[in-house]
Amino acid sequence: MGKILSIAVGAAVIIAGILLMFRWIDPFKMFIKGTLPALLIFGGTIALMAGISEFQDTLKIKEKK
């Protein structure tokens, strides 16, 4: 019974979120405009750091051989 209830509540929350997003489209757009650049900067920074770290690990492995 709990699984069915969680599915029903989840679906209701998704529908409510979609309806409210269309009702409050201007504040939603402003939120996206303010948040998206910061998320891209943070995501890009993390990807860059991971790439550099992997490159350094590859160089260390080649030096040991």
N, C-alpha and C. Protein backbone atom coordinates (compact mmCIF):
# COMPACT_ATOMS: atom_id res chain seq x y z
N MET A 1 0.82 -1.20 0.00
CA MET A 1 0.00 0.00 0.00
C MET A 1 0.86 1.25 0.00
N GLY A 2 2.01 1.22 0.67
CA GLY A 2 2.86 2.38 0.75
C GLY A 2 3.47 2.77 -0.59
N LYS A 3 3.77 1.75 -1.42
CA LYS A 3 4.35 2.03 -2.73
C LYS A 3 3.34 2.73 -3.63
N ILE A 4 2.10 2.27 -3.59
CA ILE A 4 1.05 2.88 -4.40
C ILE A 4 0.79 4.31 -3.93
N LEU A 5 0.79 4.51 -2.63
CA LEU A 5 0.58 5.85 -2.09
C LEU A 5 1.71 6.79 -2.50
N SER A 6 2.94 6.31 -2.46
CA SER A 6 4.06 7.17 -2.85
C SER A 6 4.00 7.51 -4.34
N ILE A 7 3.56 6.58 -5.17
CA ILE A 7 3.41 6.86 -6.60
C ILE A 7 2.31 7.89 -6.82
N ALA A 8 1.19 7.76 -6.12
CA ALA A 8 0.08 8.70 -6.27
C ALA A 8 0.47 10.09 -5.79
N VAL A 9 1.13 10.17 -4.65
CA VAL A 9 1.56 11.47 -4.13
C VAL A 9 2.60 12.09 -5.06
N GLY A 10 3.53 11.29 -5.54
CA GLY A 10 4.53 11.80 -6.47
C GLY A 10 3.91 12.35 -7.74
N ALA A 11 2.93 11.63 -8.30
CA ALA A 11 2.25 12.10 -9.51
C ALA A 11 1.48 13.39 -9.23
N ALA A 12 0.82 13.47 -8.08
CA ALA A 12 0.08 14.68 -7.72
C ALA A 12 1.01 15.88 -7.57
N VAL A 13 2.16 15.66 -6.97
CA VAL A 13 3.11 16.76 -6.78
C VAL A 13 3.67 17.21 -8.13
N ILE A 14 3.94 16.28 -9.02
CA ILE A 14 4.43 16.65 -10.36
C ILE A 14 3.38 17.47 -11.10
N ILE A 15 2.14 17.04 -11.06
CA ILE A 15 1.06 17.78 -11.73
C ILE A 15 0.90 19.17 -11.11
N ALA A 16 0.93 19.25 -9.80
CA ALA A 16 0.82 20.55 -9.14
C ALA A 16 1.98 21.46 -9.52
N GLY A 17 3.18 20.91 -9.60
CA GLY A 17 4.34 21.69 -9.99
C GLY A 17 4.22 22.22 -11.41
N ILE A 18 3.75 21.39 -12.32
CA ILE A 18 3.58 21.83 -13.71
C ILE A 18 2.52 22.93 -13.80
N LEU A 19 1.39 22.74 -13.11
CA LEU A 19 0.34 23.76 -13.13
C LEU A 19 0.81 25.08 -12.54
N LEU A 20 1.52 25.01 -11.43
CA LEU A 20 2.02 26.24 -10.81
C LEU A 20 3.10 26.89 -11.65
N MET A 21 3.89 26.08 -12.36
CA MET A 21 4.92 26.65 -13.22
C MET A 21 4.28 27.50 -14.31
N PHE A 22 3.17 27.02 -14.90
CA PHE A 22 2.50 27.80 -15.94
C PHE A 22 1.75 28.99 -15.37
N ARG A 23 1.26 28.86 -14.15
CA ARG A 23 0.54 29.98 -13.52
C ARG A 23 1.52 31.09 -13.14
N TRP A 24 2.69 30.73 -12.68
CA TRP A 24 3.69 31.71 -12.25
C TRP A 24 4.88 31.68 -13.22
N ILE A 25 4.60 31.81 -14.51
CA ILE A 25 5.64 31.65 -15.52
C ILE A 25 6.69 32.75 -15.45
N ASP A 26 6.30 33.99 -15.16
CA ASP A 26 7.28 35.06 -15.10
C ASP A 26 8.27 34.90 -13.95
N PRO A 27 7.80 34.63 -12.72
CA PRO A 27 8.79 34.37 -11.65
C PRO A 27 9.63 33.12 -11.93
N PHE A 28 9.03 32.11 -12.57
CA PHE A 28 9.77 30.90 -12.91
C PHE A 28 10.88 31.22 -13.91
N LYS A 29 10.57 32.02 -14.92
CA LYS A 29 11.59 32.42 -15.89
C LYS A 29 12.71 33.20 -15.22
N MET A 30 12.35 34.08 -14.30
CA MET A 30 13.37 34.87 -13.61
C MET A 30 14.27 33.96 -12.76
N PHE A 31 13.66 32.97 -12.12
CA PHE A 31 14.43 32.01 -11.33
C PHE A 31 15.41 31.24 -12.20
N ILE A 32 14.94 30.77 -13.36
CA ILE A 32 15.80 30.03 -14.28
C ILE A 32 16.93 30.92 -14.79
N LYS A 33 16.61 32.17 -15.14
CA LYS A 33 17.63 33.09 -15.63
C LYS A 33 18.68 33.36 -14.56
N GLY A 34 18.30 33.37 -13.31
CA GLY A 34 19.25 33.63 -12.24
C GLY A 34 20.04 32.40 -11.82
N THR A 35 19.46 31.24 -11.99
CA THR A 35 20.07 30.01 -11.50
C THR A 35 20.92 29.30 -12.55
N LEU A 36 20.47 29.30 -13.78
CA LEU A 36 21.14 28.53 -14.83
C LEU A 36 22.59 28.93 -15.05
N PRO A 37 22.94 30.22 -15.14
CA PRO A 37 24.35 30.54 -15.31
C PRO A 37 25.24 30.05 -14.17
N ALA A 38 24.76 30.17 -12.94
CA ALA A 38 25.54 29.69 -11.80
C ALA A 38 25.72 28.17 -11.86
N LEU A 39 24.68 27.44 -12.23
CA LEU A 39 24.79 25.99 -12.34
C LEU A 39 25.76 25.60 -13.45
N LEU A 40 25.74 26.33 -14.56
CA LEU A 40 26.68 26.04 -15.64
C LEU A 40 28.12 26.30 -15.21
N ILE A 41 28.33 27.39 -14.48
CA ILE A 41 29.68 27.70 -13.99
C ILE A 41 30.17 26.62 -13.04
N PHE A 42 29.34 26.23 -12.08
CA PHE A 42 29.74 25.20 -11.12
C PHE A 42 29.94 23.85 -11.80
N GLY A 43 29.04 23.49 -12.70
CA GLY A 43 29.17 22.23 -13.42
C GLY A 43 30.42 22.19 -14.28
N GLY A 44 30.69 23.30 -14.96
CA GLY A 44 31.89 23.38 -15.78
C GLY A 44 33.16 23.30 -14.96
N THR A 45 33.14 23.94 -13.80
CA THR A 45 34.30 23.89 -12.91
C THR A 45 34.57 22.47 -12.43
N ILE A 46 33.51 21.78 -12.05
CA ILE A 46 33.66 20.39 -11.59
C ILE A 46 34.18 19.51 -12.72
N ALA A 47 33.63 19.67 -13.94
CA ALA A 47 34.09 18.87 -15.07
C ALA A 47 35.55 19.17 -15.39
N LEU A 48 35.93 20.44 -15.33
CA LEU A 48 37.32 20.82 -15.60
C LEU A 48 38.26 20.22 -14.56
N MET A 49 37.89 20.29 -13.29
CA MET A 49 38.73 19.73 -12.24
C MET A 49 38.85 18.21 -12.39
N ALA A 50 37.76 17.54 -12.75
CA ALA A 50 37.80 16.09 -12.94
C ALA A 50 38.70 15.73 -14.12
N GLY A 51 38.63 16.51 -15.20
CA GLY A 51 39.47 16.25 -16.36
C GLY A 51 40.95 16.45 -16.05
N ILE A 52 41.26 17.52 -15.33
CA ILE A 52 42.65 17.78 -14.96
C ILE A 52 43.18 16.68 -14.04
N SER A 53 42.36 16.27 -13.09
CA SER A 53 42.76 15.21 -12.18
C SER A 53 43.02 13.90 -12.92
N GLU A 54 42.15 13.57 -13.86
CA GLU A 54 42.33 12.35 -14.64
C GLU A 54 43.58 12.44 -15.51
N PHE A 55 43.83 13.60 -16.08
CA PHE A 55 45.03 13.80 -16.89
C PHE A 55 46.29 13.63 -16.04
N GLN A 56 46.28 14.19 -14.83
CA GLN A 56 47.43 14.06 -13.93
C GLN A 56 47.65 12.60 -13.54
N ASP A 57 46.55 11.88 -13.29
CA ASP A 57 46.68 10.46 -12.95
C ASP A 57 47.29 9.68 -14.12
N THR A 58 46.89 10.01 -15.33
CA THR A 58 47.44 9.34 -16.51
C THR A 58 48.93 9.62 -16.65
N LEU A 59 49.33 10.87 -16.39
CA LEU A 59 50.75 11.21 -16.47
C LEU A 59 51.56 10.47 -15.42
N LYS A 60 51.02 10.34 -14.21
CA LYS A 60 51.73 9.63 -13.14
C LYS A 60 51.90 8.15 -13.49
N ILE A 61 50.87 7.56 -14.09
CA ILE A 61 50.97 6.14 -14.47
C ILE A 61 52.02 5.96 -15.55
N LYS A 62 52.07 6.89 -16.53
CA LYS A 62 53.07 6.79 -17.59
C LYS A 62 54.47 6.98 -17.07
N GLU A 63 54.66 7.83 -16.05
CA GLU A 63 55.97 8.06 -15.48
C GLU A 63 56.48 6.84 -14.75
N LYS A 64 55.61 6.06 -14.13
CA LYS A 64 56.01 4.88 -13.38
C LYS A 64 56.47 3.75 -14.30
N LYS A 65 56.00 3.74 -15.53
CA LYS A 65 56.36 2.65 -16.46
C LYS A 65 57.69 2.82 -17.04
